[in-house]
Full PDB file with SEQRES, HELIX, SHEET, SSBOND, CRYST1, ORIGX, SCALE, CONECT and MASTER records, all heavy atoms in Angstrom:
SEQRES   1 A   41  SER ASP SER VAL LEU ALA GLU ALA ARG GLY VAL ASN ASP          
SEQRES   2 A   41  MET ILE GLY ILE LEU TYR GLY MET LEU ARG ARG ILE ASP          
SEQRES   3 A   41  CYS GLY ASP ALA ARG GLU HIS ASP SER ILE GLU ALA ALA          
SEQRES   4 A   41  LYS ARG                                                      
HELIX    1 AA1 ASP A    2  CYS A   27  1                                  26    
HELIX    2 AA2 ILE A   36  LYS A   40  1                                   5    
CRYST1    1.000    1.000    1.000  90.00  90.00  90.00 P 1           1          
ORIGX1      1.000000  0.000000  0.000000        0.00000                         
ORIGX2      0.000000  1.000000  0.000000        0.00000                         
ORIGX3      0.000000  0.000000  1.000000        0.00000                         
SCALE1      1.000000  0.000000  0.000000        0.00000                         
SCALE2      0.000000  1.000000  0.000000        0.00000                         
SCALE3      0.000000  0.000000  1.000000        0.00000                         
ATOM      1  N   SER A   1       0.842  -1.201   0.000  1.00  0.00           N  
ATOM      2  CA  SER A   1       0.000   0.000   0.000  1.00  0.00           C  
ATOM      3  C   SER A   1       0.878   1.251   0.000  1.00  0.00           C  
ATOM      4  O   SER A   1       2.058   1.201   0.345  1.00  0.00           O  
ATOM      5  CB  SER A   1      -0.902  -0.001   1.240  1.00  0.00           C  
ATOM      6  OG  SER A   1      -0.118   0.151   2.409  1.00  0.00           O  
ATOM      7  N   ASP A   2       0.297   2.371  -0.367  1.00  0.00           N  
ATOM      8  CA  ASP A   2       1.047   3.629  -0.432  1.00  0.00           C  
ATOM      9  C   ASP A   2       1.616   4.021   0.924  1.00  0.00           C  
ATOM     10  O   ASP A   2       2.734   4.526   1.003  1.00  0.00           O  
ATOM     11  CB  ASP A   2       0.159   4.755  -0.972  1.00  0.00           C  
ATOM     12  CG  ASP A   2      -0.173   4.579  -2.444  1.00  0.00           C  
ATOM     13  OD1 ASP A   2       0.531   3.804  -3.131  1.00  0.00           O  
ATOM     14  OD2 ASP A   2      -1.133   5.217  -2.909  1.00  0.00           O  
ATOM     15  N   SER A   3       0.858   3.801   1.991  1.00  0.00           N  
ATOM     16  CA  SER A   3       1.346   4.184   3.324  1.00  0.00           C  
ATOM     17  C   SER A   3       2.562   3.346   3.726  1.00  0.00           C  
ATOM     18  O   SER A   3       3.520   3.870   4.288  1.00  0.00           O  
ATOM     19  CB  SER A   3       0.234   4.063   4.360  1.00  0.00           C  
ATOM     20  OG  SER A   3      -0.222   2.730   4.455  1.00  0.00           O  
ATOM     21  N   VAL A   4       2.528   2.064   3.427  1.00  0.00           N  
ATOM     22  CA  VAL A   4       3.670   1.203   3.743  1.00  0.00           C  
ATOM     23  C   VAL A   4       4.839   1.538   2.824  1.00  0.00           C  
ATOM     24  O   VAL A   4       5.990   1.555   3.253  1.00  0.00           O  
ATOM     25  CB  VAL A   4       3.287  -0.288   3.653  1.00  0.00           C  
ATOM     26  CG1 VAL A   4       4.501  -1.183   3.798  1.00  0.00           C  
ATOM     27  CG2 VAL A   4       2.236  -0.625   4.708  1.00  0.00           C  
ATOM     28  N   LEU A   5       4.558   1.837   1.574  1.00  0.00           N  
ATOM     29  CA  LEU A   5       5.623   2.176   0.632  1.00  0.00           C  
ATOM     30  C   LEU A   5       6.371   3.432   1.077  1.00  0.00           C  
ATOM     31  O   LEU A   5       7.592   3.512   0.937  1.00  0.00           O  
ATOM     32  CB  LEU A   5       5.061   2.364  -0.774  1.00  0.00           C  
ATOM     33  CG  LEU A   5       6.087   2.592  -1.879  1.00  0.00           C  
ATOM     34  CD1 LEU A   5       7.102   1.455  -1.937  1.00  0.00           C  
ATOM     35  CD2 LEU A   5       5.388   2.754  -3.219  1.00  0.00           C  
ATOM     36  N   ALA A   6       5.658   4.393   1.636  1.00  0.00           N  
ATOM     37  CA  ALA A   6       6.321   5.606   2.136  1.00  0.00           C  
ATOM     38  C   ALA A   6       7.305   5.249   3.249  1.00  0.00           C  
ATOM     39  O   ALA A   6       8.434   5.766   3.279  1.00  0.00           O  
ATOM     40  CB  ALA A   6       5.287   6.607   2.640  1.00  0.00           C  
ATOM     41  N   GLU A   7       6.905   4.352   4.134  1.00  0.00           N  
ATOM     42  CA  GLU A   7       7.797   3.915   5.213  1.00  0.00           C  
ATOM     43  C   GLU A   7       8.971   3.114   4.642  1.00  0.00           C  
ATOM     44  O   GLU A   7      10.117   3.281   5.067  1.00  0.00           O  
ATOM     45  CB  GLU A   7       7.044   3.060   6.230  1.00  0.00           C  
ATOM     46  CG  GLU A   7       5.925   3.783   6.943  1.00  0.00           C  
ATOM     47  CD  GLU A   7       6.405   4.850   7.915  1.00  0.00           C  
ATOM     48  OE1 GLU A   7       7.577   4.806   8.335  1.00  0.00           O  
ATOM     49  OE2 GLU A   7       5.598   5.726   8.251  1.00  0.00           O  
ATOM     50  N   ALA A   8       8.688   2.247   3.672  1.00  0.00           N  
ATOM     51  CA  ALA A   8       9.743   1.427   3.054  1.00  0.00           C  
ATOM     52  C   ALA A   8      10.761   2.312   2.343  1.00  0.00           C  
ATOM     53  O   ALA A   8      11.967   2.037   2.375  1.00  0.00           O  
ATOM     54  CB  ALA A   8       9.131   0.427   2.072  1.00  0.00           C  
ATOM     55  N   ARG A   9      10.273   3.356   1.719  1.00  0.00           N  
ATOM     56  CA  ARG A   9      11.172   4.281   1.016  1.00  0.00           C  
ATOM     57  C   ARG A   9      12.126   4.938   2.018  1.00  0.00           C  
ATOM     58  O   ARG A   9      13.324   5.085   1.740  1.00  0.00           O  
ATOM     59  CB  ARG A   9      10.356   5.347   0.283  1.00  0.00           C  
ATOM     60  CG  ARG A   9      11.171   6.214  -0.653  1.00  0.00           C  
ATOM     61  CD  ARG A   9      10.306   7.197  -1.460  1.00  0.00           C  
ATOM     62  NE  ARG A   9       9.321   6.498  -2.251  1.00  0.00           N  
ATOM     63  CZ  ARG A   9       7.987   6.576  -2.062  1.00  0.00           C  
ATOM     64  NH1 ARG A   9       7.493   7.313  -1.099  1.00  0.00           N  
ATOM     65  NH2 ARG A   9       7.157   5.919  -2.834  1.00  0.00           N  
ATOM     66  N   GLY A  10      11.614   5.310   3.172  1.00  0.00           N  
ATOM     67  CA  GLY A  10      12.464   5.914   4.196  1.00  0.00           C  
ATOM     68  C   GLY A  10      13.558   4.967   4.656  1.00  0.00           C  
ATOM     69  O   GLY A  10      14.726   5.356   4.794  1.00  0.00           O  
ATOM     70  N   VAL A  11      13.189   3.710   4.893  1.00  0.00           N  
ATOM     71  CA  VAL A  11      14.175   2.702   5.299  1.00  0.00           C  
ATOM     72  C   VAL A  11      15.194   2.496   4.184  1.00  0.00           C  
ATOM     73  O   VAL A  11      16.405   2.481   4.418  1.00  0.00           O  
ATOM     74  CB  VAL A  11      13.481   1.367   5.661  1.00  0.00           C  
ATOM     75  CG1 VAL A  11      14.493   0.240   5.811  1.00  0.00           C  
ATOM     76  CG2 VAL A  11      12.652   1.519   6.928  1.00  0.00           C  
ATOM     77  N   ASN A  12      14.706   2.336   2.969  1.00  0.00           N  
ATOM     78  CA  ASN A  12      15.591   2.106   1.827  1.00  0.00           C  
ATOM     79  C   ASN A  12      16.567   3.267   1.641  1.00  0.00           C  
ATOM     80  O   ASN A  12      17.756   3.044   1.392  1.00  0.00           O  
ATOM     81  CB  ASN A  12      14.757   1.903   0.560  1.00  0.00           C  
ATOM     82  CG  ASN A  12      15.605   1.532  -0.620  1.00  0.00           C  
ATOM     83  OD1 ASN A  12      16.282   0.515  -0.623  1.00  0.00           O  
ATOM     84  ND2 ASN A  12      15.598   2.382  -1.636  1.00  0.00           N  
ATOM     85  N   ASP A  13      16.067   4.483   1.767  1.00  0.00           N  
ATOM     86  CA  ASP A  13      16.942   5.651   1.613  1.00  0.00           C  
ATOM     87  C   ASP A  13      18.044   5.662   2.667  1.00  0.00           C  
ATOM     88  O   ASP A  13      19.217   5.896   2.350  1.00  0.00           O  
ATOM     89  CB  ASP A  13      16.129   6.946   1.689  1.00  0.00           C  
ATOM     90  CG  ASP A  13      15.230   7.162   0.486  1.00  0.00           C  
ATOM     91  OD1 ASP A  13      15.362   6.413  -0.509  1.00  0.00           O  
ATOM     92  OD2 ASP A  13      14.372   8.061   0.550  1.00  0.00           O  
ATOM     93  N   MET A  14      17.672   5.404   3.925  1.00  0.00           N  
ATOM     94  CA  MET A  14      18.683   5.422   4.993  1.00  0.00           C  
ATOM     95  C   MET A  14      19.714   4.319   4.808  1.00  0.00           C  
ATOM     96  O   MET A  14      20.910   4.548   5.018  1.00  0.00           O  
ATOM     97  CB  MET A  14      18.016   5.293   6.368  1.00  0.00           C  
ATOM     98  CG  MET A  14      17.390   6.578   6.852  1.00  0.00           C  
ATOM     99  SD  MET A  14      16.817   6.464   8.552  1.00  0.00           S  
ATOM    100  CE  MET A  14      18.370   6.601   9.432  1.00  0.00           C  
ATOM    101  N   ILE A  15      19.251   3.138   4.423  1.00  0.00           N  
ATOM    102  CA  ILE A  15      20.186   2.032   4.193  1.00  0.00           C  
ATOM    103  C   ILE A  15      21.126   2.376   3.043  1.00  0.00           C  
ATOM    104  O   ILE A  15      22.333   2.140   3.119  1.00  0.00           O  
ATOM    105  CB  ILE A  15      19.417   0.716   3.926  1.00  0.00           C  
ATOM    106  CG1 ILE A  15      18.818   0.198   5.239  1.00  0.00           C  
ATOM    107  CG2 ILE A  15      20.314  -0.329   3.283  1.00  0.00           C  
ATOM    108  CD1 ILE A  15      17.906  -1.011   5.079  1.00  0.00           C  
ATOM    109  N   GLY A  16      20.592   2.953   1.981  1.00  0.00           N  
ATOM    110  CA  GLY A  16      21.420   3.347   0.840  1.00  0.00           C  
ATOM    111  C   GLY A  16      22.444   4.403   1.205  1.00  0.00           C  
ATOM    112  O   GLY A  16      23.612   4.336   0.778  1.00  0.00           O  
ATOM    113  N   ILE A  17      22.027   5.386   1.988  1.00  0.00           N  
ATOM    114  CA  ILE A  17      22.952   6.436   2.425  1.00  0.00           C  
ATOM    115  C   ILE A  17      24.065   5.839   3.274  1.00  0.00           C  
ATOM    116  O   ILE A  17      25.250   6.139   3.074  1.00  0.00           O  
ATOM    117  CB  ILE A  17      22.192   7.540   3.198  1.00  0.00           C  
ATOM    118  CG1 ILE A  17      21.312   8.337   2.227  1.00  0.00           C  
ATOM    119  CG2 ILE A  17      23.158   8.455   3.944  1.00  0.00           C  
ATOM    120  CD1 ILE A  17      20.295   9.243   2.913  1.00  0.00           C  
ATOM    121  N   LEU A  18      23.697   4.973   4.197  1.00  0.00           N  
ATOM    122  CA  LEU A  18      24.681   4.349   5.084  1.00  0.00           C  
ATOM    123  C   LEU A  18      25.667   3.487   4.291  1.00  0.00           C  
ATOM    124  O   LEU A  18      26.882   3.592   4.475  1.00  0.00           O  
ATOM    125  CB  LEU A  18      23.975   3.516   6.151  1.00  0.00           C  
ATOM    126  CG  LEU A  18      24.858   2.724   7.106  1.00  0.00           C  
ATOM    127  CD1 LEU A  18      25.832   3.639   7.849  1.00  0.00           C  
ATOM    128  CD2 LEU A  18      23.988   1.942   8.092  1.00  0.00           C  
ATOM    129  N   TYR A  19      25.131   2.651   3.412  1.00  0.00           N  
ATOM    130  CA  TYR A  19      26.016   1.777   2.632  1.00  0.00           C  
ATOM    131  C   TYR A  19      26.934   2.597   1.730  1.00  0.00           C  
ATOM    132  O   TYR A  19      28.132   2.316   1.621  1.00  0.00           O  
ATOM    133  CB  TYR A  19      25.191   0.785   1.811  1.00  0.00           C  
ATOM    134  CG  TYR A  19      26.028  -0.233   1.076  1.00  0.00           C  
ATOM    135  CD1 TYR A  19      26.802  -1.156   1.769  1.00  0.00           C  
ATOM    136  CD2 TYR A  19      26.043  -0.276  -0.312  1.00  0.00           C  
ATOM    137  CE1 TYR A  19      27.578  -2.096   1.098  1.00  0.00           C  
ATOM    138  CE2 TYR A  19      26.802  -1.211  -0.995  1.00  0.00           C  
ATOM    139  CZ  TYR A  19      27.566  -2.118  -0.282  1.00  0.00           C  
ATOM    140  OH  TYR A  19      28.331  -3.047  -0.950  1.00  0.00           O  
ATOM    141  N   GLY A  20      26.387   3.630   1.111  1.00  0.00           N  
ATOM    142  CA  GLY A  20      27.209   4.498   0.262  1.00  0.00           C  
ATOM    143  C   GLY A  20      28.334   5.141   1.048  1.00  0.00           C  
ATOM    144  O   GLY A  20      29.487   5.207   0.578  1.00  0.00           O  
ATOM    145  N   MET A  21      28.014   5.606   2.249  1.00  0.00           N  
ATOM    146  CA  MET A  21      29.030   6.224   3.092  1.00  0.00           C  
ATOM    147  C   MET A  21      30.130   5.214   3.436  1.00  0.00           C  
ATOM    148  O   MET A  21      31.327   5.526   3.337  1.00  0.00           O  
ATOM    149  CB  MET A  21      28.395   6.754   4.385  1.00  0.00           C  
ATOM    150  CG  MET A  21      29.381   7.407   5.329  1.00  0.00           C  
ATOM    151  SD  MET A  21      28.627   7.909   6.909  1.00  0.00           S  
ATOM    152  CE  MET A  21      27.486   9.166   6.372  1.00  0.00           C  
ATOM    153  N   LEU A  22      29.722   4.014   3.826  1.00  0.00           N  
ATOM    154  CA  LEU A  22      30.704   2.995   4.186  1.00  0.00           C  
ATOM    155  C   LEU A  22      31.588   2.619   3.005  1.00  0.00           C  
ATOM    156  O   LEU A  22      32.800   2.453   3.153  1.00  0.00           O  
ATOM    157  CB  LEU A  22      29.992   1.753   4.745  1.00  0.00           C  
ATOM    158  CG  LEU A  22      29.298   1.958   6.092  1.00  0.00           C  
ATOM    159  CD1 LEU A  22      28.483   0.728   6.462  1.00  0.00           C  
ATOM    160  CD2 LEU A  22      30.309   2.297   7.172  1.00  0.00           C  
ATOM    161  N   ARG A  23      30.994   2.479   1.838  1.00  0.00           N  
ATOM    162  CA  ARG A  23      31.786   2.125   0.653  1.00  0.00           C  
ATOM    163  C   ARG A  23      32.781   3.233   0.309  1.00  0.00           C  
ATOM    164  O   ARG A  23      33.920   2.958  -0.050  1.00  0.00           O  
ATOM    165  CB  ARG A  23      30.860   1.852  -0.542  1.00  0.00           C  
ATOM    166  CG  ARG A  23      30.027   0.584  -0.406  1.00  0.00           C  
ATOM    167  CD  ARG A  23      30.862  -0.678  -0.412  1.00  0.00           C  
ATOM    168  NE  ARG A  23      31.592  -0.760  -1.656  1.00  0.00           N  
ATOM    169  CZ  ARG A  23      32.805  -1.289  -1.784  1.00  0.00           C  
ATOM    170  NH1 ARG A  23      33.425  -1.800  -0.753  1.00  0.00           N  
ATOM    171  NH2 ARG A  23      33.405  -1.315  -2.960  1.00  0.00           N  
ATOM    172  N   ARG A  24      32.334   4.497   0.419  1.00  0.00           N  
ATOM    173  CA  ARG A  24      33.253   5.606   0.107  1.00  0.00           C  
ATOM    174  C   ARG A  24      34.414   5.629   1.096  1.00  0.00           C  
ATOM    175  O   ARG A  24      35.572   5.803   0.691  1.00  0.00           O  
ATOM    176  CB  ARG A  24      32.500   6.944   0.108  1.00  0.00           C  
ATOM    177  CG  ARG A  24      31.583   7.127  -1.086  1.00  0.00           C  
ATOM    178  CD  ARG A  24      31.040   8.542  -1.166  1.00  0.00           C  
ATOM    179  NE  ARG A  24      30.262   8.937  -0.003  1.00  0.00           N  
ATOM    180  CZ  ARG A  24      28.961   8.701   0.163  1.00  0.00           C  
ATOM    181  NH1 ARG A  24      28.273   8.052  -0.773  1.00  0.00           N  
ATOM    182  NH2 ARG A  24      28.336   9.112   1.242  1.00  0.00           N  
ATOM    183  N   ILE A  25      34.104   5.454   2.376  1.00  0.00           N  
ATOM    184  CA  ILE A  25      35.176   5.430   3.382  1.00  0.00           C  
ATOM    185  C   ILE A  25      36.118   4.273   3.094  1.00  0.00           C  
ATOM    186  O   ILE A  25      37.345   4.426   3.110  1.00  0.00           O  
ATOM    187  CB  ILE A  25      34.581   5.316   4.808  1.00  0.00           C  
ATOM    188  CG1 ILE A  25      33.805   6.589   5.166  1.00  0.00           C  
ATOM    189  CG2 ILE A  25      35.686   5.067   5.826  1.00  0.00           C  
ATOM    190  CD1 ILE A  25      32.977   6.462   6.439  1.00  0.00           C  
ATOM    191  N   ASP A  26      35.541   3.102   2.823  1.00  0.00           N  
ATOM    192  CA  ASP A  26      36.333   1.895   2.567  1.00  0.00           C  
ATOM    193  C   ASP A  26      37.236   2.056   1.344  1.00  0.00           C  
ATOM    194  O   ASP A  26      38.371   1.592   1.329  1.00  0.00           O  
ATOM    195  CB  ASP A  26      35.378   0.706   2.388  1.00  0.00           C  
ATOM    196  CG  ASP A  26      36.086  -0.637   2.361  1.00  0.00           C  
ATOM    197  OD1 ASP A  26      37.267  -0.720   2.759  1.00  0.00           O  
ATOM    198  OD2 ASP A  26      35.443  -1.621   1.938  1.00  0.00           O  
ATOM    199  N   CYS A  27      36.736   2.731   0.326  1.00  0.00           N  
ATOM    200  CA  CYS A  27      37.505   2.902  -0.918  1.00  0.00           C  
ATOM    201  C   CYS A  27      38.449   4.106  -0.866  1.00  0.00           C  
ATOM    202  O   CYS A  27      39.140   4.399  -1.851  1.00  0.00           O  
ATOM    203  CB  CYS A  27      36.554   3.059  -2.100  1.00  0.00           C  
ATOM    204  SG  CYS A  27      35.605   1.576  -2.439  1.00  0.00           S  
ATOM    205  N   GLY A  28      38.445   4.826   0.257  1.00  0.00           N  
ATOM    206  CA  GLY A  28      39.316   5.990   0.371  1.00  0.00           C  
ATOM    207  C   GLY A  28      38.821   7.200  -0.380  1.00  0.00           C  
ATOM    208  O   GLY A  28      39.587   8.087  -0.742  1.00  0.00           O  
ATOM    209  N   ASP A  29      37.515   7.254  -0.628  1.00  0.00           N  
ATOM    210  CA  ASP A  29      36.914   8.349  -1.387  1.00  0.00           C  
ATOM    211  C   ASP A  29      35.839   9.052  -0.547  1.00  0.00           C  
ATOM    212  O   ASP A  29      34.802   9.448  -1.051  1.00  0.00           O  
ATOM    213  CB  ASP A  29      36.307   7.790  -2.678  1.00  0.00           C  
ATOM    214  CG  ASP A  29      35.937   8.872  -3.662  1.00  0.00           C  
ATOM    215  OD1 ASP A  29      36.538   9.962  -3.611  1.00  0.00           O  
ATOM    216  OD2 ASP A  29      35.020   8.632  -4.473  1.00  0.00           O  
ATOM    217  N   ALA A  30      36.105   9.195   0.753  1.00  0.00           N  
ATOM    218  CA  ALA A  30      35.114   9.758   1.677  1.00  0.00           C  
ATOM    219  C   ALA A  30      34.816  11.214   1.345  1.00  0.00           C  
ATOM    220  O   ALA A  30      35.700  11.971   0.940  1.00  0.00           O  
ATOM    221  CB  ALA A  30      35.619   9.642   3.107  1.00  0.00           C  
ATOM    222  N   ARG A  31      33.554  11.585   1.532  1.00  0.00           N  
ATOM    223  CA  ARG A  31      33.141  12.976   1.377  1.00  0.00           C  
ATOM    224  C   ARG A  31      33.363  13.704   2.700  1.00  0.00           C  
ATOM    225  O   ARG A  31      33.730  13.104   3.711  1.00  0.00           O  
ATOM    226  CB  ARG A  31      31.668  13.033   0.976  1.00  0.00           C  
ATOM    227  CG  ARG A  31      31.417  12.465  -0.406  1.00  0.00           C  
ATOM    228  CD  ARG A  31      29.959  12.527  -0.759  1.00  0.00           C  
ATOM    229  NE  ARG A  31      29.720  11.903  -2.055  1.00  0.00           N  
ATOM    230  CZ  ARG A  31      28.523  11.550  -2.488  1.00  0.00           C  
ATOM    231  NH1 ARG A  31      27.451  11.734  -1.737  1.00  0.00           N  
ATOM    232  NH2 ARG A  31      28.395  10.999  -3.668  1.00  0.00           N  
ATOM    233  N   GLU A  32      33.072  14.971   2.682  1.00  0.00           N  
ATOM    234  CA  GLU A  32      33.346  15.821   3.844  1.00  0.00           C  
ATOM    235  C   GLU A  32      32.704  15.300   5.139  1.00  0.00           C  
ATOM    236  O   GLU A  32      33.334  15.298   6.183  1.00  0.00           O  
ATOM    237  CB  GLU A  32      32.857  17.245   3.553  1.00  0.00           C  
ATOM    238  CG  GLU A  32      33.131  18.219   4.672  1.00  0.00           C  
ATOM    239  CD  GLU A  32      32.629  19.616   4.358  1.00  0.00           C  
ATOM    240  OE1 GLU A  32      32.389  19.928   3.178  1.00  0.00           O  
ATOM    241  OE2 GLU A  32      32.479  20.391   5.307  1.00  0.00           O  
ATOM    242  N   HIS A  33      31.460  14.855   5.073  1.00  0.00           N  
ATOM    243  CA  HIS A  33      30.742  14.436   6.287  1.00  0.00           C  
ATOM    244  C   HIS A  33      30.764  12.927   6.510  1.00  0.00           C  
ATOM    245  O   HIS A  33      30.113  12.437   7.426  1.00  0.00           O  
ATOM    246  CB  HIS A  33      29.301  14.944   6.242  1.00  0.00           C  
ATOM    247  CG  HIS A  33      29.208  16.434   6.189  1.00  0.00           C  
ATOM    248  ND1 HIS A  33      29.531  17.233   7.273  1.00  0.00           N  
ATOM    249  CD2 HIS A  33      28.869  17.276   5.189  1.00  0.00           C  
ATOM    250  CE1 HIS A  33      29.373  18.502   6.938  1.00  0.00           C  
ATOM    251  NE2 HIS A  33      28.972  18.560   5.671  1.00  0.00           N  
ATOM    252  N   ASP A  34      31.495  12.200   5.690  1.00  0.00           N  
ATOM    253  CA  ASP A  34      31.597  10.747   5.856  1.00  0.00           C  
ATOM    254  C   ASP A  34      32.596  10.425   6.959  1.00  0.00           C  
ATOM    255  O   ASP A  34      33.743  10.891   6.918  1.00  0.00           O  
ATOM    256  CB  ASP A  34      32.068  10.081   4.559  1.00  0.00           C  
ATOM    257  CG  ASP A  34      31.036  10.130   3.447  1.00  0.00           C  
ATOM    258  OD1 ASP A  34      29.870  10.464   3.729  1.00  0.00           O  
ATOM    259  OD2 ASP A  34      31.406   9.824   2.295  1.00  0.00           O  
ATOM    260  N   SER A  35      32.147   9.651   7.926  1.00  0.00           N  
ATOM    261  CA  SER A  35      33.040   9.197   8.996  1.00  0.00           C  
ATOM    262  C   SER A  35      32.425   7.963   9.646  1.00  0.00           C  
ATOM    263  O   SER A  35      31.229   7.699   9.499  1.00  0.00           O  
ATOM    264  CB  SER A  35      33.241  10.286  10.050  1.00  0.00           C  
ATOM    265  OG  SER A  35      32.034  10.491  10.787  1.00  0.00           O  
ATOM    266  N   ILE A  36      33.237   7.249  10.373  1.00  0.00           N  
ATOM    267  CA  ILE A  36      32.739   6.080  11.104  1.00  0.00           C  
ATOM    268  C   ILE A  36      31.724   6.537  12.145  1.00  0.00           C  
ATOM    269  O   ILE A  36      30.700   5.878  12.350  1.00  0.00           O  
ATOM    270  CB  ILE A  36      33.899   5.300  11.757  1.00  0.00           C  
ATOM    271  CG1 ILE A  36      34.834   4.730  10.677  1.00  0.00           C  
ATOM    272  CG2 ILE A  36      33.378   4.186  12.649  1.00  0.00           C  
ATOM    273  CD1 ILE A  36      34.158   3.784   9.711  1.00  0.00           C  
ATOM    274  N   GLU A  37      31.979   7.665  12.789  1.00  0.00           N  
ATOM    275  CA  GLU A  37      31.030   8.173  13.802  1.00  0.00           C  
ATOM    276  C   GLU A  37      29.687   8.523  13.159  1.00  0.00           C  
ATOM    277  O   GLU A  37      28.632   8.236  13.725  1.00  0.00           O  
ATOM    278  CB  GLU A  37      31.617   9.378  14.547  1.00  0.00           C  
ATOM    279  CG  GLU A  37      32.764   9.024  15.469  1.00  0.00           C  
ATOM    280  CD  GLU A  37      32.419   7.903  16.444  1.00  0.00           C  
ATOM    281  OE1 GLU A  37      31.350   7.941  17.069  1.00  0.00           O  
ATOM    282  OE2 GLU A  37      33.236   6.963  16.556  1.00  0.00           O  
ATOM    283  N   ALA A  38      29.706   9.142  11.987  1.00  0.00           N  
ATOM    284  CA  ALA A  38      28.462   9.461  11.278  1.00  0.00           C  
ATOM    285  C   ALA A  38      27.741   8.169  10.883  1.00  0.00           C  
ATOM    286  O   ALA A  38      26.512   8.074  10.966  1.00  0.00           O  
ATOM    287  CB  ALA A  38      28.754  10.304  10.038  1.00  0.00           C  
ATOM    288  N   ALA A  39      28.500   7.171  10.466  1.00  0.00           N  
ATOM    289  CA  ALA A  39      27.906   5.870  10.109  1.00  0.00           C  
ATOM    290  C   ALA A  39      27.268   5.224  11.334  1.00  0.00           C  
ATOM    291  O   ALA A  39      26.171   4.649  11.242  1.00  0.00           O  
ATOM    292  CB  ALA A  39      28.962   4.953   9.507  1.00  0.00           C  
ATOM    293  N   LYS A  40      27.920   5.319  12.477  1.00  0.00           N  
ATOM    294  CA  LYS A  40      27.349   4.766  13.709  1.00  0.00           C  
ATOM    295  C   LYS A  40      26.045   5.462  14.070  1.00  0.00           C  
ATOM    296  O   LYS A  40      25.084   4.808  14.510  1.00  0.00           O  
ATOM    297  CB  LYS A  40      28.350   4.889  14.865  1.00  0.00           C  
ATOM    298  CG  LYS A  40      29.493   3.907  14.788  1.00  0.00           C  
ATOM    299  CD  LYS A  40      30.441   4.096  15.973  1.00  0.00           C  
ATOM    300  CE  LYS A  40      31.585   3.107  15.927  1.00  0.00           C  
ATOM    301  NZ  LYS A  40      32.523   3.298  17.049  1.00  0.00           N  
ATOM    302  N   ARG A  41      25.999   6.783  13.896  1.00  0.00           N  
ATOM    303  CA  ARG A  41      24.753   7.522  14.176  1.00  0.00           C  
ATOM    304  C   ARG A  41      23.634   7.082  13.229  1.00  0.00           C  
ATOM    305  O   ARG A  41      22.507   6.861  13.653  1.00  0.00           O  
ATOM    306  CB  ARG A  41      24.986   9.023  14.069  1.00  0.00           C  
ATOM    307  CG  ARG A  41      25.657   9.638  15.283  1.00  0.00           C  
ATOM    308  CD  ARG A  41      25.625  11.164  15.244  1.00  0.00           C  
ATOM    309  NE  ARG A  41      26.238  11.730  14.042  1.00  0.00           N  
ATOM    310  CZ  ARG A  41      27.543  11.941  13.897  1.00  0.00           C  
ATOM    311  NH1 ARG A  41      28.384  11.644  14.865  1.00  0.00           N  
ATOM    312  NH2 ARG A  41      28.010  12.462  12.774  1.00  0.00           N  
TER     313      ARG A  41                                                      
MASTER        0    0    0    2    0    0    0    6  312    1    0    4          
END                                                                             
């Protein structure tokens, strides 16, 4: 349903942001706000 999809989108977005941050840090291509502490948060 649309209401569940809105919640799923939020989860998916956060997971994608987190994974992207971890991959950038791991590959040595971290952005300004990428850090292990930010990933933990």
